[in-house]
Amino acid sequence: MNPFWFNLFTQPASESGHMHVINLITNASPVVKLVLLILVFMSLISWTIIFSKLIILRRASKKSDKFLDLYNASGNFGNLYSSTRHLGGPVAELFRAGYAEIIKVRKVKSNISRKDQGEQQSNDDIFSEFRVIELVERALKRTMSSEISRLEGSLIFLATTGSTAPFIGLFGTVWGIMTSFIGLAGSKGVPSLQVVAPGIAEALIATAIGLAAAIPAAVAYNYFISKVRKIDVEMDNFASEFLNVVERYLKQG
């Protein structure tokens, strides 16, 4: 660790009046301390989200890659549906939703009574090729929306921290400087830098901590959004391919 930073946080203030971060925070006004507490809380929550999202998105990518390998090697959707029951992952869930809709349509179609020709014609219209594809497509879109919402969950907090933390810190700085100058105006004698510096320094701590909370949150948010968009494109490509396979199957049937 850099000796400068180590000394800055660990060594007490000397008799000559040198200032250190811990002393500045301890001697800050109640409003500045409240601002610092809010920023520290936002930073802790942000880092918790960052570490959890790293694990979640990494697992999602690995499971999707594993499923796609099984999908490309499989020649039977029924066997694939059974073998990937506990696999999970966005693409696997997408496949299962689409295939489950096909199974549902088959069951409903097989259970409909055929009393007369008119009803038979009506049933044929309900379960036409276009209608089945539409039902499967709706199921795929619902699952895609659900998976993307799950992956994007909590990212809004990172975006909020990245955009508001600097302003919260700036508020603490402005308040601290304002308080410092008000105290300076009421002091006797000629103002000196030694009198003003502690108040300004403790106020600037708020801006520094605000930036320290905002920068990792903003970087992580952009990184995670790019990962989610990549998974979204992967799911969209798979959905298109799956619908093409279903369409070919219905035409052959």
C-alpha atoms as a PDB file:
ATOM      1  CA  MET A   1       0.000   0.000   0.000  1.00  0.00           C
ATOM      2  CA  ASN A   2       1.203   3.505  -0.775  1.00  0.00           C
ATOM      3  CA  PRO A   3       2.765   4.980   2.441  1.00  0.00           C
ATOM      4  CA  PHE A   4       1.059   8.315   1.758  1.00  0.00           C
ATOM      5  CA  TRP A   5      -2.438   6.821   1.953  1.00  0.00           C
ATOM      6  CA  PHE A   6      -1.493   4.652   4.923  1.00  0.00           C
ATOM      7  CA  ASN A   7      -0.211   7.661   6.854  1.00  0.00           C
ATOM      8  CA  LEU A   8      -3.182   9.752   5.775  1.00  0.00           C
ATOM      9  CA  PHE A   9      -5.699   7.405   7.372  1.00  0.00           C
ATOM     10  CA  THR A  10      -3.729   6.037  10.302  1.00  0.00           C
ATOM     11  CA  GLN A  11      -1.513   8.751  11.720  1.00  0.00           C
ATOM     12  CA  PRO A  12      -3.134  11.220  14.146  1.00  0.00           C
ATOM     13  CA  ALA A  13      -3.115  14.919  13.498  1.00  0.00           C
ATOM     14  CA  SER A  14       0.153  16.466  14.528  1.00  0.00           C
ATOM     15  CA  GLU A  15       0.541  19.433  16.785  1.00  0.00           C
ATOM     16  CA  SER A  16       1.371  21.603  13.795  1.00  0.00           C
ATOM     17  CA  GLY A  17      -2.191  21.244  12.616  1.00  0.00           C
ATOM     18  CA  HIS A  18      -1.839  18.713   9.793  1.00  0.00           C
ATOM     19  CA  MET A  19      -5.247  17.319   8.799  1.00  0.00           C
ATOM     20  CA  HIS A  20      -6.133  13.664   8.175  1.00  0.00           C
ATOM     21  CA  VAL A  21      -9.250  12.066   6.748  1.00  0.00           C
ATOM     22  CA  ILE A  22     -10.474  10.421   9.956  1.00  0.00           C
ATOM     23  CA  ASN A  23     -10.166  13.672  11.864  1.00  0.00           C
ATOM     24  CA  LEU A  24     -11.992  15.563   9.140  1.00  0.00           C
ATOM     25  CA  ILE A  25     -14.896  13.124   9.164  1.00  0.00           C
ATOM     26  CA  THR A  26     -15.050  13.123  12.965  1.00  0.00           C
ATOM     27  CA  ASN A  27     -15.124  16.894  13.141  1.00  0.00           C
ATOM     28  CA  ALA A  28     -17.597  17.358  10.270  1.00  0.00           C
ATOM     29  CA  SER A  29     -20.962  18.991  10.849  1.00  0.00           C
ATOM     30  CA  PRO A  30     -24.051  16.786  11.428  1.00  0.00           C
ATOM     31  CA  VAL A  31     -25.387  17.486   7.920  1.00  0.00           C
ATOM     32  CA  VAL A  32     -22.098  16.489   6.292  1.00  0.00           C
ATOM     33  CA  LYS A  33     -21.943  13.359   8.459  1.00  0.00           C
ATOM     34  CA  LEU A  34     -25.485  12.452   7.327  1.00  0.00           C
ATOM     35  CA  VAL A  35     -24.455  12.926   3.694  1.00  0.00           C
ATOM     36  CA  LEU A  36     -21.402  10.726   4.232  1.00  0.00           C
ATOM     37  CA  LEU A  37     -23.545   8.059   5.889  1.00  0.00           C
ATOM     38  CA  ILE A  38     -25.950   8.036   2.920  1.00  0.00           C
ATOM     39  CA  LEU A  39     -23.068   7.773   0.461  1.00  0.00           C
ATOM     40  CA  VAL A  40     -21.427   4.933   2.379  1.00  0.00           C
ATOM     41  CA  PHE A  41     -24.754   3.089   2.495  1.00  0.00           C
ATOM     42  CA  MET A  42     -25.236   3.558  -1.270  1.00  0.00           C
ATOM     43  CA  SER A  43     -21.699   2.366  -1.898  1.00  0.00           C
ATOM     44  CA  LEU A  44     -22.148  -0.781   0.220  1.00  0.00           C
ATOM     45  CA  ILE A  45     -25.406  -1.668  -1.534  1.00  0.00           C
ATOM     46  CA  SER A  46     -23.802  -1.001  -4.925  1.00  0.00           C
ATOM     47  CA  TRP A  47     -20.878  -3.314  -4.225  1.00  0.00           C
ATOM     48  CA  THR A  48     -23.247  -6.013  -2.989  1.00  0.00           C
ATOM     49  CA  ILE A  49     -25.202  -5.760  -6.242  1.00  0.00           C
ATOM     50  CA  ILE A  50     -21.990  -5.751  -8.288  1.00  0.00           C
ATOM     51  CA  PHE A  51     -20.675  -8.983  -6.763  1.00  0.00           C
ATOM     52  CA  SER A  52     -24.063 -10.738  -6.925  1.00  0.00           C
ATOM     53  CA  LYS A  53     -24.643  -9.704 -10.550  1.00  0.00           C
ATOM     54  CA  LEU A  54     -21.196 -10.911 -11.540  1.00  0.00           C
ATOM     55  CA  ILE A  55     -22.100 -14.366 -10.249  1.00  0.00           C
ATOM     56  CA  ILE A  56     -25.627 -14.372 -11.701  1.00  0.00           C
ATOM     57  CA  LEU A  57     -24.615 -13.251 -15.204  1.00  0.00           C
ATOM     58  CA  ARG A  58     -21.620 -15.579 -15.296  1.00  0.00           C
ATOM     59  CA  ARG A  59     -23.827 -18.539 -14.374  1.00  0.00           C
ATOM     60  CA  ALA A  60     -26.469 -17.490 -16.901  1.00  0.00           C
ATOM     61  CA  SER A  61     -23.891 -17.348 -19.704  1.00  0.00           C
ATOM     62  CA  LYS A  62     -22.399 -20.723 -18.799  1.00  0.00           C
ATOM     63  CA  LYS A  63     -25.800 -22.416 -18.575  1.00  0.00           C
ATOM     64  CA  SER A  64     -26.900 -20.919 -21.891  1.00  0.00           C
ATOM     65  CA  ASP A  65     -23.713 -22.101 -23.597  1.00  0.00           C
ATOM     66  CA  LYS A  66     -24.170 -25.582 -22.130  1.00  0.00           C
ATOM     67  CA  PHE A  67     -27.782 -25.735 -23.302  1.00  0.00           C
ATOM     68  CA  LEU A  68     -26.906 -24.574 -26.820  1.00  0.00           C
ATOM     69  CA  ASP A  69     -24.327 -27.346 -27.038  1.00  0.00           C
ATOM     70  CA  LEU A  70     -26.994 -29.882 -26.038  1.00  0.00           C
ATOM     71  CA  TYR A  71     -29.495 -28.294 -28.425  1.00  0.00           C
ATOM     72  CA  ASN A  72     -27.141 -28.489 -31.403  1.00  0.00           C
ATOM     73  CA  ALA A  73     -26.256 -32.107 -30.590  1.00  0.00           C
ATOM     74  CA  SER A  74     -29.870 -33.227 -30.005  1.00  0.00           C
ATOM     75  CA  GLY A  75     -32.236 -34.380 -32.714  1.00  0.00           C
ATOM     76  CA  ASN A  76     -35.329 -34.750 -30.557  1.00  0.00           C
ATOM     77  CA  PHE A  77     -37.040 -31.901 -28.725  1.00  0.00           C
ATOM     78  CA  GLY A  78     -38.836 -34.281 -26.373  1.00  0.00           C
ATOM     79  CA  ASN A  79     -35.595 -35.817 -25.122  1.00  0.00           C
ATOM     80  CA  LEU A  80     -33.996 -32.384 -24.882  1.00  0.00           C
ATOM     81  CA  TYR A  81     -36.953 -31.092 -22.877  1.00  0.00           C
ATOM     82  CA  SER A  82     -36.602 -33.947 -20.383  1.00  0.00           C
ATOM     83  CA  SER A  83     -32.804 -33.845 -20.126  1.00  0.00           C
ATOM     84  CA  THR A  84     -32.655 -30.078 -19.513  1.00  0.00           C
ATOM     85  CA  ARG A  85     -35.389 -30.001 -16.870  1.00  0.00           C
ATOM     86  CA  HIS A  86     -32.991 -28.886 -14.132  1.00  0.00           C
ATOM     87  CA  LEU A  87     -30.434 -27.066 -16.270  1.00  0.00           C
ATOM     88  CA  GLY A  88     -31.819 -23.543 -16.062  1.00  0.00           C
ATOM     89  CA  GLY A  89     -30.381 -20.547 -17.861  1.00  0.00           C
ATOM     90  CA  PRO A  90     -32.156 -17.944 -20.033  1.00  0.00           C
ATOM     91  CA  VAL A  91     -31.972 -19.849 -23.339  1.00  0.00           C
ATOM     92  CA  ALA A  92     -32.967 -23.143 -21.715  1.00  0.00           C
ATOM     93  CA  GLU A  93     -35.992 -21.484 -20.099  1.00  0.00           C
ATOM     94  CA  LEU A  94     -36.896 -20.007 -23.469  1.00  0.00           C
ATOM     95  CA  PHE A  95     -36.828 -23.419 -25.123  1.00  0.00           C
ATOM     96  CA  ARG A  96     -38.840 -25.005 -22.344  1.00  0.00           C
ATOM     97  CA  ALA A  97     -41.515 -22.298 -22.575  1.00  0.00           C
ATOM     98  CA  GLY A  98     -41.835 -22.730 -26.334  1.00  0.00           C
ATOM     99  CA  TYR A  99     -41.939 -26.507 -26.226  1.00  0.00           C
ATOM    100  CA  ALA A 100     -44.368 -26.483 -23.284  1.00  0.00           C
ATOM    101  CA  GLU A 101     -46.728 -24.349 -25.377  1.00  0.00           C
ATOM    102  CA  ILE A 102     -46.557 -26.892 -28.196  1.00  0.00           C
ATOM    103  CA  ILE A 103     -47.361 -29.706 -25.744  1.00  0.00           C
ATOM    104  CA  LYS A 104     -50.279 -27.681 -24.383  1.00  0.00           C
ATOM    105  CA  VAL A 105     -51.691 -27.144 -27.871  1.00  0.00           C
ATOM    106  CA  ARG A 106     -51.389 -30.861 -28.616  1.00  0.00           C
ATOM    107  CA  LYS A 107     -53.241 -31.799 -25.421  1.00  0.00           C
ATOM    108  CA  VAL A 108     -56.044 -29.319 -26.025  1.00  0.00           C
ATOM    109  CA  LYS A 109     -56.399 -30.418 -29.621  1.00  0.00           C
ATOM    110  CA  SER A 110     -56.559 -34.109 -28.693  1.00  0.00           C
ATOM    111  CA  ASN A 111     -59.191 -33.491 -25.991  1.00  0.00           C
ATOM    112  CA  ILE A 112     -61.644 -31.537 -28.152  1.00  0.00           C
ATOM    113  CA  SER A 113     -64.726 -33.539 -29.013  1.00  0.00           C
ATOM    114  CA  ARG A 114     -65.626 -33.836 -32.683  1.00  0.00           C
ATOM    115  CA  LYS A 115     -69.378 -33.810 -32.800  1.00  0.00           C
ATOM    116  CA  ASP A 116     -70.077 -32.426 -36.237  1.00  0.00           C
ATOM    117  CA  GLN A 117     -68.320 -31.163 -39.335  1.00  0.00           C
ATOM    118  CA  GLY A 118     -68.897 -27.508 -38.438  1.00  0.00           C
ATOM    119  CA  GLU A 119     -67.145 -27.899 -35.115  1.00  0.00           C
ATOM    120  CA  GLN A 120     -64.319 -29.793 -36.816  1.00  0.00           C
ATOM    121  CA  GLN A 121     -63.845 -26.932 -39.231  1.00  0.00           C
ATOM    122  CA  SER A 122     -63.797 -24.484 -36.311  1.00  0.00           C
ATOM    123  CA  ASN A 123     -61.176 -26.553 -34.496  1.00  0.00           C
ATOM    124  CA  ASP A 124     -59.015 -26.673 -37.621  1.00  0.00           C
ATOM    125  CA  ASP A 125     -59.112 -22.888 -37.742  1.00  0.00           C
ATOM    126  CA  ILE A 126     -58.144 -22.595 -34.068  1.00  0.00           C
ATOM    127  CA  PHE A 127     -55.171 -24.921 -34.436  1.00  0.00           C
ATOM    128  CA  SER A 128     -54.046 -23.748 -37.848  1.00  0.00           C
ATOM    129  CA  GLU A 129     -50.335 -23.451 -38.594  1.00  0.00           C
ATOM    130  CA  PHE A 130     -50.403 -19.689 -38.209  1.00  0.00           C
ATOM    131  CA  ARG A 131     -52.299 -19.855 -34.914  1.00  0.00           C
ATOM    132  CA  VAL A 132     -49.908 -22.389 -33.342  1.00  0.00           C
ATOM    133  CA  ILE A 133     -46.874 -20.352 -34.340  1.00  0.00           C
ATOM    134  CA  GLU A 134     -48.519 -17.247 -32.866  1.00  0.00           C
ATOM    135  CA  LEU A 135     -49.148 -19.002 -29.552  1.00  0.00           C
ATOM    136  CA  VAL A 136     -45.567 -20.287 -29.378  1.00  0.00           C
ATOM    137  CA  GLU A 137     -44.218 -16.843 -30.259  1.00  0.00           C
ATOM    138  CA  ARG A 138     -46.241 -15.243 -27.464  1.00  0.00           C
ATOM    139  CA  ALA A 139     -44.900 -17.786 -24.979  1.00  0.00           C
ATOM    140  CA  LEU A 140     -41.347 -17.063 -26.113  1.00  0.00           C
ATOM    141  CA  LYS A 141     -41.821 -13.308 -25.800  1.00  0.00           C
ATOM    142  CA  ARG A 142     -43.267 -13.652 -22.295  1.00  0.00           C
ATOM    143  CA  THR A 143     -40.313 -15.751 -21.193  1.00  0.00           C
ATOM    144  CA  MET A 144     -37.794 -13.398 -22.796  1.00  0.00           C
ATOM    145  CA  SER A 145     -39.325 -10.418 -20.995  1.00  0.00           C
ATOM    146  CA  SER A 146     -39.336 -12.303 -17.700  1.00  0.00           C
ATOM    147  CA  GLU A 147     -35.706 -13.424 -18.030  1.00  0.00           C
ATOM    148  CA  ILE A 148     -34.452  -9.987 -19.058  1.00  0.00           C
ATOM    149  CA  SER A 149     -36.340  -8.363 -16.171  1.00  0.00           C
ATOM    150  CA  ARG A 150     -34.773 -10.846 -13.770  1.00  0.00           C
ATOM    151  CA  LEU A 151     -31.261 -10.222 -15.107  1.00  0.00           C
ATOM    152  CA  GLU A 152     -31.735  -6.452 -15.026  1.00  0.00           C
ATOM    153  CA  GLY A 153     -33.103  -6.510 -11.490  1.00  0.00           C
ATOM    154  CA  SER A 154     -31.298  -4.168  -9.068  1.00  0.00           C
ATOM    155  CA  LEU A 155     -29.313  -2.538 -11.873  1.00  0.00           C
ATOM    156  CA  ILE A 156     -31.510   0.533 -11.522  1.00  0.00           C
ATOM    157  CA  PHE A 157     -29.892   1.101  -8.120  1.00  0.00           C
ATOM    158  CA  LEU A 158     -26.454   1.168  -9.737  1.00  0.00           C
ATOM    159  CA  ALA A 159     -27.692   3.685 -12.304  1.00  0.00           C
ATOM    160  CA  THR A 160     -29.227   5.795  -9.543  1.00  0.00           C
ATOM    161  CA  THR A 161     -26.042   5.698  -7.484  1.00  0.00           C
ATOM    162  CA  GLY A 162     -23.902   6.565 -10.492  1.00  0.00           C
ATOM    163  CA  SER A 163     -26.022   9.578 -11.361  1.00  0.00           C
ATOM    164  CA  THR A 164     -26.971  10.952  -7.930  1.00  0.00           C
ATOM    165  CA  ALA A 165     -24.036  10.171  -5.618  1.00  0.00           C
ATOM    166  CA  PRO A 166     -21.839  12.999  -6.983  1.00  0.00           C
ATOM    167  CA  PHE A 167     -24.663  15.490  -6.435  1.00  0.00           C
ATOM    168  CA  ILE A 168     -25.322  14.216  -2.920  1.00  0.00           C
ATOM    169  CA  GLY A 169     -21.621  14.609  -2.193  1.00  0.00           C
ATOM    170  CA  LEU A 170     -21.669  18.075  -3.759  1.00  0.00           C
ATOM    171  CA  PHE A 171     -24.556  19.027  -1.499  1.00  0.00           C
ATOM    172  CA  GLY A 172     -22.479  17.998   1.525  1.00  0.00           C
ATOM    173  CA  THR A 173     -19.552  20.014   0.214  1.00  0.00           C
ATOM    174  CA  VAL A 174     -21.632  23.135  -0.387  1.00  0.00           C
ATOM    175  CA  TRP A 175     -23.212  22.829   3.045  1.00  0.00           C
ATOM    176  CA  GLY A 176     -19.842  22.352   4.713  1.00  0.00           C
ATOM    177  CA  ILE A 177     -18.253  25.311   2.931  1.00  0.00           C
ATOM    178  CA  MET A 178     -21.270  27.476   3.716  1.00  0.00           C
ATOM    179  CA  THR A 179     -21.061  26.535   7.397  1.00  0.00           C
ATOM    180  CA  SER A 180     -17.334  27.182   7.401  1.00  0.00           C
ATOM    181  CA  PHE A 181     -17.710  30.686   5.989  1.00  0.00           C
ATOM    182  CA  ILE A 182     -20.565  31.496   8.352  1.00  0.00           C
ATOM    183  CA  GLY A 183     -18.318  30.530  11.259  1.00  0.00           C
ATOM    184  CA  LEU A 184     -15.492  32.520   9.731  1.00  0.00           C
ATOM    185  CA  ALA A 185     -17.663  35.630   9.487  1.00  0.00           C
ATOM    186  CA  GLY A 186     -18.386  35.457  13.211  1.00  0.00           C
ATOM    187  CA  SER A 187     -14.772  34.978  14.250  1.00  0.00           C
ATOM    188  CA  LYS A 188     -12.603  37.765  15.625  1.00  0.00           C
ATOM    189  CA  GLY A 189      -9.345  38.886  14.141  1.00  0.00           C
ATOM    190  CA  VAL A 190      -7.987  38.561  10.613  1.00  0.00           C
ATOM    191  CA  PRO A 191      -9.088  35.315   8.876  1.00  0.00           C
ATOM    192  CA  SER A 192      -6.256  33.010   7.868  1.00  0.00           C
ATOM    193  CA  LEU A 193      -5.948  29.896   5.724  1.00  0.00           C
ATOM    194  CA  GLN A 194      -5.283  27.862   8.842  1.00  0.00           C
ATOM    195  CA  VAL A 195      -8.723  28.788  10.129  1.00  0.00           C
ATOM    196  CA  VAL A 196     -10.619  28.203   6.863  1.00  0.00           C
ATOM    197  CA  ALA A 197      -8.787  25.094   5.625  1.00  0.00           C
ATOM    198  CA  PRO A 198     -10.226  22.499   8.075  1.00  0.00           C
ATOM    199  CA  GLY A 199     -13.837  23.415   7.263  1.00  0.00           C
ATOM    200  CA  ILE A 200     -13.273  23.397   3.512  1.00  0.00           C
ATOM    201  CA  ALA A 201     -11.305  20.158   3.657  1.00  0.00           C
ATOM    202  CA  GLU A 202     -13.988  18.327   5.635  1.00  0.00           C
ATOM    203  CA  ALA A 203     -16.592  19.612   3.172  1.00  0.00           C
ATOM    204  CA  LEU A 204     -14.606  18.337   0.176  1.00  0.00           C
ATOM    205  CA  ILE A 205     -14.545  14.853   1.749  1.00  0.00           C
ATOM    206  CA  ALA A 206     -18.247  14.556   0.838  1.00  0.00           C
ATOM    207  CA  THR A 207     -17.543  15.153  -2.846  1.00  0.00           C
ATOM    208  CA  ALA A 208     -14.660  12.678  -2.799  1.00  0.00           C
ATOM    209  CA  ILE A 209     -16.773   9.930  -1.228  1.00  0.00           C
ATOM    210  CA  GLY A 210     -19.629  10.747  -3.604  1.00  0.00           C
ATOM    211  CA  LEU A 211     -17.338  10.188  -6.577  1.00  0.00           C
ATOM    212  CA  ALA A 212     -15.915   7.042  -4.969  1.00  0.00           C
ATOM    213  CA  ALA A 213     -19.452   5.651  -4.731  1.00  0.00           C
ATOM    214  CA  ALA A 214     -20.587   6.827  -8.166  1.00  0.00           C
ATOM    215  CA  ILE A 215     -17.687   5.763 -10.387  1.00  0.00           C
ATOM    216  CA  PRO A 216     -17.748   1.985  -9.641  1.00  0.00           C
ATOM    217  CA  ALA A 217     -21.553   1.971  -9.828  1.00  0.00           C
ATOM    218  CA  ALA A 218     -21.605   3.696 -13.227  1.00  0.00           C
ATOM    219  CA  VAL A 219     -18.876   1.462 -14.666  1.00  0.00           C
ATOM    220  CA  ALA A 220     -20.548  -1.699 -13.339  1.00  0.00           C
ATOM    221  CA  TYR A 221     -23.964  -0.610 -14.650  1.00  0.00           C
ATOM    222  CA  ASN A 222     -22.642  -0.130 -18.194  1.00  0.00           C
ATOM    223  CA  TYR A 223     -20.784  -3.437 -18.033  1.00  0.00           C
ATOM    224  CA  PHE A 224     -23.803  -5.388 -16.791  1.00  0.00           C
ATOM    225  CA  ILE A 225     -26.149  -3.769 -19.300  1.00  0.00           C
ATOM    226  CA  SER A 226     -23.840  -4.842 -22.123  1.00  0.00           C
ATOM    227  CA  LYS A 227     -23.847  -8.413 -20.759  1.00  0.00           C
ATOM    228  CA  VAL A 228     -27.645  -8.447 -20.467  1.00  0.00           C
ATOM    229  CA  ARG A 229     -27.985  -7.100 -24.021  1.00  0.00           C
ATOM    230  CA  LYS A 230     -25.706  -9.876 -25.240  1.00  0.00           C
ATOM    231  CA  ILE A 231     -27.902 -12.493 -23.569  1.00  0.00           C
ATOM    232  CA  ASP A 232     -30.981 -10.743 -24.984  1.00  0.00           C
ATOM    233  CA  VAL A 233     -29.599 -11.001 -28.524  1.00  0.00           C
ATOM    234  CA  GLU A 234     -28.721 -14.654 -27.891  1.00  0.00           C
ATOM    235  CA  MET A 235     -32.276 -15.368 -26.745  1.00  0.00           C
ATOM    236  CA  ASP A 236     -33.758 -13.477 -29.688  1.00  0.00           C
ATOM    237  CA  ASN A 237     -31.660 -15.457 -32.168  1.00  0.00           C
ATOM    238  CA  PHE A 238     -32.645 -18.729 -30.527  1.00  0.00           C
ATOM    239  CA  ALA A 239     -36.331 -17.761 -30.544  1.00  0.00           C
ATOM    240  CA  SER A 240     -36.197 -17.040 -34.284  1.00  0.00           C
ATOM    241  CA  GLU A 241     -34.493 -20.357 -34.960  1.00  0.00           C
ATOM    242  CA  PHE A 242     -36.940 -22.237 -32.752  1.00  0.00           C
ATOM    243  CA  LEU A 243     -39.942 -20.690 -34.546  1.00  0.00           C
ATOM    244  CA  ASN A 244     -38.443 -21.686 -37.892  1.00  0.00           C
ATOM    245  CA  VAL A 245     -38.104 -25.280 -36.702  1.00  0.00           C
ATOM    246  CA  VAL A 246     -41.711 -25.282 -35.426  1.00  0.00           C
ATOM    247  CA  GLU A 247     -42.939 -23.860 -38.721  1.00  0.00           C
ATOM    248  CA  ARG A 248     -41.124 -26.540 -40.729  1.00  0.00           C
ATOM    249  CA  TYR A 249     -42.508 -29.214 -38.416  1.00  0.00           C
ATOM    250  CA  LEU A 250     -46.096 -27.995 -38.843  1.00  0.00           C
ATOM    251  CA  LYS A 251     -45.766 -27.871 -42.633  1.00  0.00           C
ATOM    252  CA  GLN A 252     -44.466 -31.418 -42.695  1.00  0.00           C
ATOM    253  CA  GLY A 253     -47.283 -32.516 -40.401  1.00  0.00           C
END
